[in-house]
Amino acid sequence: MIAGESVAEPRSRRAVLVAAFLTTISPLMAQSGRVKIQVSDSDGTPIANAEATLLGSLPVRTLKTNPVGEVAWTELAMGDSKFEIRSPGFRMRILVITLLNDEEVNIKSILEVAEFTMGAMVVVGKPKKLFRKWKTRPA
């Protein structure tokens, strides 16, 4: 030991445990899940431009399906991811996908045709005069 230097303090048990914990979970924190959703109708026809929204994320993220009805999500957290799938003329569908590792999950989502209802809009206004009153002249 050289004069004027202090003796290094022994590492505390807590610091060693924290370091071991961080070393153990760091690969898990780096993992990110991938999901590919194939959107089609009940006949199996792909639905292009359907919207897939990842719910519960901030900011809310929405992607549209490609011409073959597929949308790919990356960098998703492990655990449950909730998606809302919608397209005009079809019923909206909610999907909950559980990611357990960094492998890609492929899901097929079939949208049902929405019920079509017709309605009529009636506009009520001031009635127009249909007839003029004719004045008669005395004879």
N, C-alpha and C. Protein backbone atom coordinates (compact mmCIF):
# COMPACT_ATOMS: atom_id res chain seq x y z
N MET A 1 0.84 -1.17 0.00
CA MET A 1 0.00 0.00 0.00
C MET A 1 0.88 1.23 0.00
N ILE A 2 0.53 2.19 -0.83
CA ILE A 2 1.30 3.42 -0.93
C ILE A 2 0.69 4.42 0.04
N ALA A 3 1.56 5.22 0.59
CA ALA A 3 1.10 6.20 1.57
C ALA A 3 0.12 7.18 0.91
N GLY A 4 -0.95 7.51 1.57
CA GLY A 4 -1.93 8.47 1.09
C GLY A 4 -3.10 7.83 0.35
N GLU A 5 -3.02 6.54 0.01
CA GLU A 5 -4.13 5.87 -0.67
C GLU A 5 -5.02 5.21 0.36
N SER A 6 -6.29 5.22 0.05
CA SER A 6 -7.22 4.58 0.96
C SER A 6 -7.45 3.13 0.51
N VAL A 7 -7.83 2.32 1.43
CA VAL A 7 -8.09 0.93 1.15
C VAL A 7 -9.47 0.81 0.49
N ALA A 8 -9.55 0.05 -0.58
CA ALA A 8 -10.83 -0.14 -1.27
C ALA A 8 -11.80 -0.87 -0.35
N GLU A 9 -13.03 -0.35 -0.31
CA GLU A 9 -14.03 -0.96 0.55
C GLU A 9 -14.53 -2.25 -0.11
N PRO A 10 -14.83 -3.25 0.69
CA PRO A 10 -15.36 -4.49 0.10
C PRO A 10 -16.76 -4.24 -0.47
N ARG A 11 -17.07 -4.94 -1.54
CA ARG A 11 -18.39 -4.79 -2.16
C ARG A 11 -19.46 -5.31 -1.21
N SER A 12 -20.53 -4.55 -1.17
CA SER A 12 -21.61 -4.99 -0.29
C SER A 12 -22.38 -6.12 -0.96
N ARG A 13 -23.03 -6.91 -0.16
CA ARG A 13 -23.82 -8.02 -0.66
C ARG A 13 -24.97 -7.50 -1.54
N ARG A 14 -25.54 -6.37 -1.16
CA ARG A 14 -26.64 -5.78 -1.93
C ARG A 14 -26.20 -5.39 -3.34
N ALA A 15 -25.04 -4.78 -3.48
CA ALA A 15 -24.55 -4.38 -4.80
C ALA A 15 -24.31 -5.59 -5.68
N VAL A 16 -23.80 -6.67 -5.11
CA VAL A 16 -23.56 -7.89 -5.88
C VAL A 16 -24.87 -8.49 -6.35
N LEU A 17 -25.90 -8.51 -5.47
CA LEU A 17 -27.20 -9.04 -5.84
C LEU A 17 -27.87 -8.21 -6.93
N VAL A 18 -27.77 -6.89 -6.84
CA VAL A 18 -28.36 -6.02 -7.86
C VAL A 18 -27.68 -6.25 -9.21
N ALA A 19 -26.37 -6.35 -9.21
CA ALA A 19 -25.63 -6.60 -10.45
C ALA A 19 -26.02 -7.95 -11.06
N ALA A 20 -26.15 -8.96 -10.22
CA ALA A 20 -26.54 -10.28 -10.72
C ALA A 20 -27.96 -10.25 -11.28
N PHE A 21 -28.85 -9.54 -10.61
CA PHE A 21 -30.24 -9.43 -11.07
C PHE A 21 -30.30 -8.74 -12.43
N LEU A 22 -29.61 -7.62 -12.58
CA LEU A 22 -29.63 -6.89 -13.84
C LEU A 22 -29.02 -7.71 -14.97
N THR A 23 -27.99 -8.47 -14.67
CA THR A 23 -27.37 -9.31 -15.69
C THR A 23 -28.34 -10.41 -16.12
N THR A 24 -29.13 -10.91 -15.19
CA THR A 24 -30.07 -11.99 -15.49
C THR A 24 -31.25 -11.50 -16.33
N ILE A 25 -31.83 -10.33 -16.00
CA ILE A 25 -33.03 -9.89 -16.70
C ILE A 25 -32.74 -9.06 -17.95
N SER A 26 -31.52 -8.63 -18.17
CA SER A 26 -31.26 -7.78 -19.33
C SER A 26 -31.61 -8.46 -20.65
N PRO A 27 -31.39 -9.77 -20.85
CA PRO A 27 -31.85 -10.37 -22.11
C PRO A 27 -33.37 -10.35 -22.25
N LEU A 28 -34.09 -10.46 -21.13
CA LEU A 28 -35.55 -10.42 -21.19
C LEU A 28 -36.05 -9.03 -21.55
N MET A 29 -35.39 -8.00 -21.06
CA MET A 29 -35.79 -6.63 -21.36
C MET A 29 -35.52 -6.29 -22.82
N ALA A 30 -34.54 -6.93 -23.42
CA ALA A 30 -34.19 -6.65 -24.81
C ALA A 30 -35.12 -7.37 -25.78
N GLN A 31 -35.87 -8.37 -25.32
CA GLN A 31 -36.74 -9.12 -26.21
C GLN A 31 -37.91 -8.25 -26.65
N SER A 32 -38.29 -8.42 -27.89
CA SER A 32 -39.48 -7.74 -28.38
C SER A 32 -40.24 -8.72 -29.27
N GLY A 33 -41.55 -8.70 -29.13
CA GLY A 33 -42.38 -9.63 -29.87
C GLY A 33 -42.78 -9.10 -31.23
N ARG A 34 -43.14 -10.04 -32.10
CA ARG A 34 -43.60 -9.69 -33.44
C ARG A 34 -44.91 -10.44 -33.69
N VAL A 35 -45.87 -9.73 -34.30
CA VAL A 35 -47.16 -10.32 -34.61
C VAL A 35 -47.50 -9.98 -36.06
N LYS A 36 -47.96 -11.00 -36.80
CA LYS A 36 -48.48 -10.77 -38.15
C LYS A 36 -49.94 -11.19 -38.14
N ILE A 37 -50.81 -10.25 -38.51
CA ILE A 37 -52.25 -10.50 -38.53
C ILE A 37 -52.71 -10.54 -39.98
N GLN A 38 -53.41 -11.61 -40.34
CA GLN A 38 -53.99 -11.75 -41.68
C GLN A 38 -55.49 -11.52 -41.57
N VAL A 39 -55.99 -10.47 -42.20
CA VAL A 39 -57.39 -10.09 -42.10
C VAL A 39 -58.11 -10.50 -43.38
N SER A 40 -59.22 -11.25 -43.21
CA SER A 40 -60.02 -11.69 -44.36
C SER A 40 -61.49 -11.71 -43.99
N ASP A 41 -62.34 -11.89 -45.01
CA ASP A 41 -63.77 -12.04 -44.73
C ASP A 41 -64.08 -13.53 -44.54
N SER A 42 -65.35 -13.86 -44.34
CA SER A 42 -65.72 -15.24 -44.04
C SER A 42 -65.46 -16.19 -45.20
N ASP A 43 -65.34 -15.67 -46.43
CA ASP A 43 -65.02 -16.50 -47.59
C ASP A 43 -63.52 -16.71 -47.77
N GLY A 44 -62.71 -16.03 -46.96
CA GLY A 44 -61.26 -16.14 -47.08
C GLY A 44 -60.64 -15.09 -47.97
N THR A 45 -61.44 -14.14 -48.46
CA THR A 45 -60.92 -13.07 -49.30
C THR A 45 -60.19 -12.05 -48.43
N PRO A 46 -58.93 -11.73 -48.76
CA PRO A 46 -58.17 -10.76 -47.96
C PRO A 46 -58.84 -9.38 -47.99
N ILE A 47 -58.77 -8.68 -46.88
CA ILE A 47 -59.32 -7.33 -46.79
C ILE A 47 -58.16 -6.34 -46.74
N ALA A 48 -57.96 -5.62 -47.83
CA ALA A 48 -56.91 -4.60 -47.90
C ALA A 48 -57.37 -3.33 -47.18
N ASN A 49 -56.42 -2.60 -46.63
CA ASN A 49 -56.65 -1.32 -45.94
C ASN A 49 -57.52 -1.43 -44.69
N ALA A 50 -57.62 -2.62 -44.11
CA ALA A 50 -58.28 -2.75 -42.80
C ALA A 50 -57.35 -2.13 -41.76
N GLU A 51 -57.91 -1.54 -40.73
CA GLU A 51 -57.10 -0.90 -39.69
C GLU A 51 -56.91 -1.83 -38.51
N ALA A 52 -55.66 -1.96 -38.08
CA ALA A 52 -55.33 -2.71 -36.87
C ALA A 52 -54.73 -1.72 -35.88
N THR A 53 -55.42 -1.52 -34.76
CA THR A 53 -54.99 -0.55 -33.74
C THR A 53 -54.52 -1.30 -32.51
N LEU A 54 -53.32 -0.97 -32.04
CA LEU A 54 -52.80 -1.54 -30.80
C LEU A 54 -53.37 -0.73 -29.65
N LEU A 55 -54.22 -1.36 -28.85
CA LEU A 55 -54.88 -0.67 -27.74
C LEU A 55 -54.00 -0.70 -26.50
N GLY A 56 -54.11 0.33 -25.71
CA GLY A 56 -53.36 0.39 -24.46
C GLY A 56 -51.95 0.92 -24.61
N SER A 57 -51.55 1.30 -25.81
CA SER A 57 -50.21 1.85 -26.00
C SER A 57 -50.31 3.36 -26.12
N LEU A 58 -49.31 4.03 -25.65
CA LEU A 58 -49.25 5.48 -25.79
C LEU A 58 -47.98 5.83 -26.53
N PRO A 59 -48.04 6.50 -27.63
CA PRO A 59 -49.25 6.92 -28.31
C PRO A 59 -49.94 5.72 -28.96
N VAL A 60 -51.24 5.86 -29.24
CA VAL A 60 -52.00 4.79 -29.88
C VAL A 60 -51.44 4.61 -31.29
N ARG A 61 -51.18 3.36 -31.65
CA ARG A 61 -50.60 3.08 -32.97
C ARG A 61 -51.62 2.33 -33.81
N THR A 62 -51.76 2.75 -35.07
CA THR A 62 -52.66 2.10 -36.02
C THR A 62 -51.90 1.83 -37.31
N LEU A 63 -52.03 0.61 -37.82
CA LEU A 63 -51.44 0.23 -39.10
C LEU A 63 -52.55 -0.27 -40.00
N LYS A 64 -52.34 -0.16 -41.33
CA LYS A 64 -53.31 -0.66 -42.30
C LYS A 64 -52.76 -1.90 -42.97
N THR A 65 -53.68 -2.82 -43.33
CA THR A 65 -53.26 -4.05 -43.99
C THR A 65 -52.82 -3.74 -45.42
N ASN A 66 -51.93 -4.58 -45.93
CA ASN A 66 -51.43 -4.44 -47.29
C ASN A 66 -52.45 -5.04 -48.27
N PRO A 67 -52.17 -5.06 -49.58
CA PRO A 67 -53.14 -5.59 -50.55
C PRO A 67 -53.54 -7.05 -50.34
N VAL A 68 -52.71 -7.84 -49.64
CA VAL A 68 -53.07 -9.24 -49.37
C VAL A 68 -53.64 -9.41 -47.96
N GLY A 69 -54.03 -8.29 -47.33
CA GLY A 69 -54.72 -8.34 -46.04
C GLY A 69 -53.83 -8.60 -44.84
N GLU A 70 -52.53 -8.34 -44.93
CA GLU A 70 -51.62 -8.60 -43.81
C GLU A 70 -51.09 -7.30 -43.21
N VAL A 71 -50.88 -7.34 -41.91
CA VAL A 71 -50.24 -6.25 -41.19
C VAL A 71 -49.25 -6.87 -40.21
N ALA A 72 -48.06 -6.28 -40.10
CA ALA A 72 -47.01 -6.83 -39.22
C ALA A 72 -46.67 -5.81 -38.14
N TRP A 73 -46.67 -6.29 -36.90
CA TRP A 73 -46.31 -5.46 -35.75
C TRP A 73 -44.98 -5.96 -35.20
N THR A 74 -44.09 -5.05 -34.86
CA THR A 74 -42.80 -5.40 -34.26
C THR A 74 -42.61 -4.61 -32.98
N GLU A 75 -41.59 -4.99 -32.24
CA GLU A 75 -41.21 -4.31 -30.99
C GLU A 75 -42.36 -4.25 -29.99
N LEU A 76 -43.07 -5.36 -29.86
CA LEU A 76 -44.14 -5.45 -28.87
C LEU A 76 -43.59 -6.03 -27.57
N ALA A 77 -44.12 -5.58 -26.46
CA ALA A 77 -43.68 -6.07 -25.15
C ALA A 77 -44.18 -7.50 -24.95
N MET A 78 -43.45 -8.26 -24.18
CA MET A 78 -43.88 -9.62 -23.84
C MET A 78 -45.15 -9.53 -23.00
N GLY A 79 -46.00 -10.52 -23.13
CA GLY A 79 -47.27 -10.54 -22.40
C GLY A 79 -48.42 -10.34 -23.36
N ASP A 80 -49.53 -9.80 -22.85
CA ASP A 80 -50.74 -9.62 -23.65
C ASP A 80 -50.70 -8.31 -24.44
N SER A 81 -51.06 -8.39 -25.72
CA SER A 81 -51.24 -7.22 -26.57
C SER A 81 -52.67 -7.27 -27.10
N LYS A 82 -53.38 -6.16 -27.03
CA LYS A 82 -54.79 -6.11 -27.43
C LYS A 82 -54.90 -5.26 -28.70
N PHE A 83 -55.55 -5.84 -29.72
CA PHE A 83 -55.70 -5.18 -31.01
C PHE A 83 -57.18 -5.02 -31.35
N GLU A 84 -57.49 -3.93 -32.04
CA GLU A 84 -58.83 -3.71 -32.57
C GLU A 84 -58.70 -3.73 -34.09
N ILE A 85 -59.46 -4.63 -34.75
CA ILE A 85 -59.41 -4.77 -36.20
C ILE A 85 -60.73 -4.26 -36.75
N ARG A 86 -60.68 -3.33 -37.72
CA ARG A 86 -61.90 -2.80 -38.29
C ARG A 86 -61.71 -2.43 -39.76
N SER A 87 -62.82 -2.52 -40.49
CA SER A 87 -62.85 -2.15 -41.90
C SER A 87 -64.30 -1.76 -42.23
N PRO A 88 -64.49 -0.74 -43.08
CA PRO A 88 -65.86 -0.34 -43.41
C PRO A 88 -66.67 -1.50 -44.00
N GLY A 89 -67.90 -1.65 -43.53
CA GLY A 89 -68.78 -2.70 -43.99
C GLY A 89 -68.66 -4.00 -43.21
N PHE A 90 -67.73 -4.05 -42.23
CA PHE A 90 -67.52 -5.25 -41.42
C PHE A 90 -67.65 -4.91 -39.95
N ARG A 91 -67.98 -5.93 -39.16
CA ARG A 91 -68.02 -5.74 -37.70
C ARG A 91 -66.60 -5.64 -37.15
N MET A 92 -66.42 -4.76 -36.19
CA MET A 92 -65.14 -4.59 -35.53
C MET A 92 -64.82 -5.85 -34.71
N ARG A 93 -63.54 -6.20 -34.61
CA ARG A 93 -63.13 -7.38 -33.84
C ARG A 93 -61.98 -7.02 -32.92
N ILE A 94 -62.00 -7.57 -31.71
CA ILE A 94 -60.93 -7.39 -30.73
C ILE A 94 -60.12 -8.68 -30.65
N LEU A 95 -58.79 -8.56 -30.71
CA LEU A 95 -57.89 -9.71 -30.56
C LEU A 95 -56.99 -9.47 -29.36
N VAL A 96 -56.79 -10.48 -28.54
CA VAL A 96 -55.80 -10.44 -27.46
C VAL A 96 -54.77 -11.52 -27.77
N ILE A 97 -53.53 -11.09 -27.97
CA ILE A 97 -52.46 -12.00 -28.36
C ILE A 97 -51.42 -12.00 -27.25
N THR A 98 -51.05 -13.18 -26.77
CA THR A 98 -50.05 -13.31 -25.71
C THR A 98 -48.72 -13.67 -26.33
N LEU A 99 -47.72 -12.83 -26.06
CA LEU A 99 -46.36 -13.05 -26.55
C LEU A 99 -45.51 -13.62 -25.42
N LEU A 100 -44.93 -14.79 -25.66
CA LEU A 100 -44.12 -15.45 -24.63
C LEU A 100 -42.63 -15.37 -24.91
N ASN A 101 -42.26 -15.18 -26.18
CA ASN A 101 -40.84 -15.08 -26.54
C ASN A 101 -40.72 -14.17 -27.75
N ASP A 102 -39.52 -14.12 -28.33
CA ASP A 102 -39.30 -13.20 -29.44
C ASP A 102 -39.61 -13.80 -30.81
N GLU A 103 -40.29 -14.95 -30.86
CA GLU A 103 -40.69 -15.53 -32.13
C GLU A 103 -41.93 -14.83 -32.66
N GLU A 104 -42.08 -14.81 -34.00
CA GLU A 104 -43.24 -14.16 -34.60
C GLU A 104 -44.49 -15.01 -34.42
N VAL A 105 -45.60 -14.34 -34.05
CA VAL A 105 -46.89 -15.01 -33.90
C VAL A 105 -47.74 -14.63 -35.11
N ASN A 106 -48.30 -15.65 -35.79
CA ASN A 106 -49.17 -15.43 -36.94
C ASN A 106 -50.61 -15.71 -36.55
N ILE A 107 -51.50 -14.74 -36.78
CA ILE A 107 -52.91 -14.84 -36.40
C ILE A 107 -53.76 -14.55 -37.63
N LYS A 108 -54.83 -15.33 -37.80
CA LYS A 108 -55.82 -15.06 -38.83
C LYS A 108 -57.04 -14.43 -38.16
N SER A 109 -57.47 -13.30 -38.68
CA SER A 109 -58.64 -12.60 -38.14
C SER A 109 -59.70 -12.53 -39.23
N ILE A 110 -60.84 -13.15 -38.98
CA ILE A 110 -61.94 -13.16 -39.94
C ILE A 110 -62.98 -12.15 -39.49
N LEU A 111 -63.27 -11.19 -40.37
CA LEU A 111 -64.27 -10.17 -40.05
C LEU A 111 -65.61 -10.57 -40.65
N GLU A 112 -66.67 -10.38 -39.87
CA GLU A 112 -68.02 -10.67 -40.33
C GLU A 112 -68.62 -9.43 -40.98
N VAL A 113 -69.44 -9.64 -41.99
CA VAL A 113 -70.10 -8.52 -42.66
C VAL A 113 -71.07 -7.88 -41.67
N ALA A 114 -71.06 -6.57 -41.63
CA ALA A 114 -71.95 -5.83 -40.72
C ALA A 114 -73.36 -5.85 -41.25
N GLU A 115 -74.31 -5.71 -40.34
CA GLU A 115 -75.71 -5.64 -40.75
C GLU A 115 -75.94 -4.33 -41.48
N PHE A 116 -76.72 -4.41 -42.52
CA PHE A 116 -77.02 -3.22 -43.32
C PHE A 116 -78.44 -2.78 -43.00
N THR A 117 -78.57 -1.55 -42.58
CA THR A 117 -79.90 -1.03 -42.30
C THR A 117 -80.14 0.19 -43.17
N MET A 118 -81.37 0.30 -43.65
CA MET A 118 -81.74 1.45 -44.45
C MET A 118 -82.63 2.35 -43.62
N GLY A 119 -82.49 3.58 -43.85
CA GLY A 119 -83.33 4.53 -43.15
C GLY A 119 -83.70 5.65 -44.10
N ALA A 120 -84.67 6.40 -43.73
CA ALA A 120 -85.09 7.55 -44.53
C ALA A 120 -85.02 8.78 -43.65
N MET A 121 -84.57 9.87 -44.24
CA MET A 121 -84.51 11.11 -43.49
C MET A 121 -85.63 12.00 -44.01
N VAL A 122 -86.45 12.45 -43.11
CA VAL A 122 -87.57 13.31 -43.47
C VAL A 122 -87.29 14.69 -42.93
N VAL A 123 -87.36 15.67 -43.82
CA VAL A 123 -87.15 17.05 -43.41
C VAL A 123 -88.50 17.74 -43.38
N VAL A 124 -88.82 18.29 -42.24
CA VAL A 124 -90.11 18.97 -42.09
C VAL A 124 -89.85 20.46 -42.10
N GLY A 125 -90.57 21.16 -42.97
CA GLY A 125 -90.41 22.61 -43.05
C GLY A 125 -91.76 23.27 -43.17
N LYS A 126 -91.74 24.54 -43.44
CA LYS A 126 -92.97 25.30 -43.60
C LYS A 126 -93.63 24.90 -44.91
N PRO A 127 -94.93 24.56 -44.87
CA PRO A 127 -95.59 24.14 -46.11
C PRO A 127 -95.69 25.30 -47.10
N LYS A 128 -95.59 24.94 -48.38
CA LYS A 128 -95.70 25.96 -49.42
C LYS A 128 -97.18 26.08 -49.84
N LYS A 129 -97.55 27.25 -50.30
CA LYS A 129 -98.91 27.45 -50.79
C LYS A 129 -99.01 26.80 -52.16
N LEU A 130 -99.98 25.97 -52.30
CA LEU A 130 -100.16 25.28 -53.56
C LEU A 130 -101.14 26.02 -54.47
N PHE A 131 -102.08 26.72 -53.89
CA PHE A 131 -103.10 27.41 -54.69
C PHE A 131 -103.15 28.87 -54.30
N ARG A 132 -103.49 29.68 -55.30
CA ARG A 132 -103.71 31.10 -55.03
C ARG A 132 -105.21 31.33 -54.90
N LYS A 133 -105.56 32.22 -54.06
CA LYS A 133 -106.97 32.58 -53.96
C LYS A 133 -107.28 33.57 -55.08
N TRP A 134 -108.29 33.27 -55.86
CA TRP A 134 -108.69 34.15 -56.94
C TRP A 134 -109.74 35.13 -56.41
N LYS A 135 -109.54 36.32 -56.74
CA LYS A 135 -110.53 37.31 -56.35
C LYS A 135 -111.54 37.39 -57.49
N THR A 136 -112.75 37.35 -57.09
CA THR A 136 -113.80 37.46 -58.10
C THR A 136 -114.29 38.90 -58.16
N ARG A 137 -114.61 39.35 -59.35
CA ARG A 137 -115.10 40.71 -59.51
C ARG A 137 -116.63 40.67 -59.56
N PRO A 138 -117.21 41.63 -58.95
CA PRO A 138 -118.67 41.67 -59.03
C PRO A 138 -119.13 41.93 -60.48
N ALA A 139 -120.16 41.29 -60.89
CA ALA A 139 -120.65 41.42 -62.27
C ALA A 139 -121.53 42.62 -62.46
